[in-house]
C-alpha atoms as a PDB file:
ATOM      1  CA  MET A   1       0.000   0.000   0.000  1.00  0.00           C
ATOM      2  CA  SER A   2       1.359   3.428  -0.902  1.00  0.00           C
ATOM      3  CA  MET A   3       1.269   6.419   1.424  1.00  0.00           C
ATOM      4  CA  ILE A   4      -1.579   7.971  -0.568  1.00  0.00           C
ATOM      5  CA  GLU A   5      -3.570   4.729  -0.401  1.00  0.00           C
ATOM      6  CA  ALA A   6      -2.943   4.410   3.346  1.00  0.00           C
ATOM      7  CA  ILE A   7      -4.201   7.947   3.983  1.00  0.00           C
ATOM      8  CA  ARG A   8      -7.223   7.492   1.713  1.00  0.00           C
ATOM      9  CA  HIS A   9      -8.107   4.249   3.457  1.00  0.00           C
ATOM     10  CA  ALA A  10      -7.822   5.834   6.903  1.00  0.00           C
ATOM     11  CA  ASN A  11      -9.859   8.854   5.808  1.00  0.00           C
ATOM     12  CA  ARG A  12     -12.634   6.523   4.622  1.00  0.00           C
ATOM     13  CA  LEU A  13     -12.789   4.801   8.015  1.00  0.00           C
ATOM     14  CA  LEU A  14     -12.540   7.893  10.193  1.00  0.00           C
ATOM     15  CA  PRO A  15     -14.039   9.017  12.394  1.00  0.00           C
ATOM     16  CA  GLY A  16     -16.171   5.894  12.728  1.00  0.00           C
ATOM     17  CA  MET A  17     -16.900   4.274  16.065  1.00  0.00           C
ATOM     18  CA  PRO A  18     -14.501   2.474  18.402  1.00  0.00           C
ATOM     19  CA  ALA A  19     -14.456  -1.309  18.121  1.00  0.00           C
ATOM     20  CA  ALA A  20     -16.066  -3.334  20.867  1.00  0.00           C
ATOM     21  CA  GLU A  21     -13.871  -4.159  23.845  1.00  0.00           C
ATOM     22  CA  GLY A  22     -11.358  -6.838  22.916  1.00  0.00           C
ATOM     23  CA  GLU A  23     -11.914  -6.538  19.158  1.00  0.00           C
ATOM     24  CA  GLU A  24      -9.409  -5.191  16.651  1.00  0.00           C
ATOM     25  CA  ASP A  25     -10.243  -1.650  15.584  1.00  0.00           C
ATOM     26  CA  ALA A  26      -9.920  -1.187  11.813  1.00  0.00           C
ATOM     27  CA  ARG A  27      -9.590   2.560  12.304  1.00  0.00           C
ATOM     28  CA  TRP A  28      -6.558   2.151  14.562  1.00  0.00           C
ATOM     29  CA  GLN A  29      -5.044  -0.337  12.110  1.00  0.00           C
ATOM     30  CA  ALA A  30      -5.492   2.185   9.297  1.00  0.00           C
ATOM     31  CA  ILE A  31      -3.835   4.906  11.379  1.00  0.00           C
ATOM     32  CA  ILE A  32      -0.944   2.548  12.157  1.00  0.00           C
ATOM     33  CA  ALA A  33      -0.566   1.986   8.390  1.00  0.00           C
ATOM     34  CA  VAL A  34      -0.262   5.757   7.895  1.00  0.00           C
ATOM     35  CA  GLY A  35       2.476   5.672  10.529  1.00  0.00           C
ATOM     36  CA  ASP A  36       4.533   3.442   8.269  1.00  0.00           C
ATOM     37  CA  TYR A  37       5.325   6.614   6.309  1.00  0.00           C
ATOM     38  CA  ILE A  38       6.623   8.747   9.192  1.00  0.00           C
ATOM     39  CA  GLN A  39      10.230   8.207   8.105  1.00  0.00           C
ATOM     40  CA  THR A  40       9.724   8.623   4.369  1.00  0.00           C
ATOM     41  CA  ASP A  41       6.887  11.162   4.091  1.00  0.00           C
ATOM     42  CA  PRO A  42       6.531  13.127   7.318  1.00  0.00           C
ATOM     43  CA  GLU A  43       4.795  16.028   5.564  1.00  0.00           C
ATOM     44  CA  ALA A  44       1.858  13.901   4.457  1.00  0.00           C
ATOM     45  CA  VAL A  45       1.647  12.262   7.872  1.00  0.00           C
ATOM     46  CA  TRP A  46       1.723  15.689   9.546  1.00  0.00           C
ATOM     47  CA  GLU A  47      -1.181  16.884   7.389  1.00  0.00           C
ATOM     48  CA  PHE A  48      -3.144  13.792   8.407  1.00  0.00           C
ATOM     49  CA  VAL A  49      -2.292  14.378  12.082  1.00  0.00           C
ATOM     50  CA  ARG A  50      -3.295  18.033  11.826  1.00  0.00           C
ATOM     51  CA  ARG A  51      -6.641  17.101  10.286  1.00  0.00           C
ATOM     52  CA  TRP A  52      -7.621  14.327  12.684  1.00  0.00           C
ATOM     53  CA  GLY A  53      -5.846  15.603  15.798  1.00  0.00           C
ATOM     54  CA  VAL A  54      -8.691  18.060  16.357  1.00  0.00           C
ATOM     55  CA  HIS A  55     -11.542  15.601  16.043  1.00  0.00           C
ATOM     56  CA  PRO A  56     -13.975  15.690  18.980  1.00  0.00           C
ATOM     57  CA  GLN A  57     -13.904  11.893  19.404  1.00  0.00           C
ATOM     58  CA  VAL A  58     -11.365  11.064  22.129  1.00  0.00           C
ATOM     59  CA  ASP A  59     -10.590   7.643  20.669  1.00  0.00           C
ATOM     60  CA  VAL A  60      -9.543   9.207  17.350  1.00  0.00           C
ATOM     61  CA  ARG A  61      -7.278  11.678  19.153  1.00  0.00           C
ATOM     62  CA  ASP A  62      -5.811   8.836  21.239  1.00  0.00           C
ATOM     63  CA  ALA A  63      -4.876   6.956  18.073  1.00  0.00           C
ATOM     64  CA  ILE A  64      -3.457  10.035  16.375  1.00  0.00           C
ATOM     65  CA  ALA A  65      -1.388  10.891  19.459  1.00  0.00           C
ATOM     66  CA  THR A  66       0.010   7.468  20.206  1.00  0.00           C
ATOM     67  CA  CYS A  67       0.378   6.045  16.708  1.00  0.00           C
ATOM     68  CA  LEU A  68       1.481   9.133  14.805  1.00  0.00           C
ATOM     69  CA  LEU A  69       2.186  12.388  16.628  1.00  0.00           C
ATOM     70  CA  GLU A  70       4.579  11.020  19.226  1.00  0.00           C
ATOM     71  CA  HIS A  71       6.567   9.252  16.501  1.00  0.00           C
ATOM     72  CA  LEU A  72       6.631  12.318  14.265  1.00  0.00           C
ATOM     73  CA  LEU A  73       8.111  14.204  17.193  1.00  0.00           C
ATOM     74  CA  GLU A  74      10.541  11.367  17.883  1.00  0.00           C
ATOM     75  CA  HIS A  75      11.893  11.296  14.330  1.00  0.00           C
ATOM     76  CA  HIS A  76      11.359  14.866  13.067  1.00  0.00           C
ATOM     77  CA  PHE A  77      11.410  16.947  16.232  1.00  0.00           C
ATOM     78  CA  LYS A  78      12.982  20.132  14.826  1.00  0.00           C
ATOM     79  CA  THR A  79      10.546  20.264  11.930  1.00  0.00           C
ATOM     80  CA  ILE A  80       7.371  19.168  13.691  1.00  0.00           C
ATOM     81  CA  LEU A  81       7.633  20.895  17.091  1.00  0.00           C
ATOM     82  CA  PRO A  82       7.053  24.441  15.755  1.00  0.00           C
ATOM     83  CA  ARG A  83       3.985  23.191  13.897  1.00  0.00           C
ATOM     84  CA  VAL A  84       2.688  21.479  17.014  1.00  0.00           C
ATOM     85  CA  GLU A  85       3.236  24.651  19.032  1.00  0.00           C
ATOM     86  CA  GLN A  86       1.226  26.617  16.478  1.00  0.00           C
ATOM     87  CA  ALA A  87      -1.533  24.003  16.329  1.00  0.00           C
ATOM     88  CA  ILE A  88      -2.005  23.921  20.108  1.00  0.00           C
ATOM     89  CA  THR A  89      -2.525  27.679  20.146  1.00  0.00           C
ATOM     90  CA  GLU A  90      -5.145  27.390  17.414  1.00  0.00           C
ATOM     91  CA  ASP A  91      -7.210  24.513  18.775  1.00  0.00           C
ATOM     92  CA  ARG A  92      -7.671  23.181  22.301  1.00  0.00           C
ATOM     93  CA  LEU A  93      -8.443  19.716  20.950  1.00  0.00           C
ATOM     94  CA  PHE A  94      -5.031  19.565  19.317  1.00  0.00           C
ATOM     95  CA  ALA A  95      -3.505  20.566  22.645  1.00  0.00           C
ATOM     96  CA  ASP A  96      -5.366  17.644  24.200  1.00  0.00           C
ATOM     97  CA  THR A  97      -4.041  15.342  21.472  1.00  0.00           C
ATOM     98  CA  LEU A  98      -0.497  16.399  22.343  1.00  0.00           C
ATOM     99  CA  LEU A  99      -1.121  15.630  25.998  1.00  0.00           C
ATOM    100  CA  ARG A 100      -2.174  12.104  25.017  1.00  0.00           C
ATOM    101  CA  CYS A 101       1.279  11.337  23.581  1.00  0.00           C
END
C-alpha cells in the first residue's frame, strides 16, 4: 500500500466508532498503516495528524497521538515541534491530542 492509499483508506474509516472491547479496531489499524510513512513522508503524515488531531472523538485523538504524533516528534522533532506549538494555540483539541502522547 502506498502512502496515498494508506491515507485514503484511513480517511474513509474515520471518524467511525470504536471497536467493541477486545476486538481489533480497523480505524486504529489504518492509522498505524499511515504511521509506516513517518520516516519517508513526514509532511503527508503531519497533514493527516493536523486534520484528525482536532476531532472531537477522544478515541480518534488517542490513536493520532500514540500512533502518529509522538513518533513524528521522535523522528522529526525540529521540523514538527514548531507546527505542534502553532496548532495547540489554534485549537484546544489539538492541545489535548499532544497531551495524550
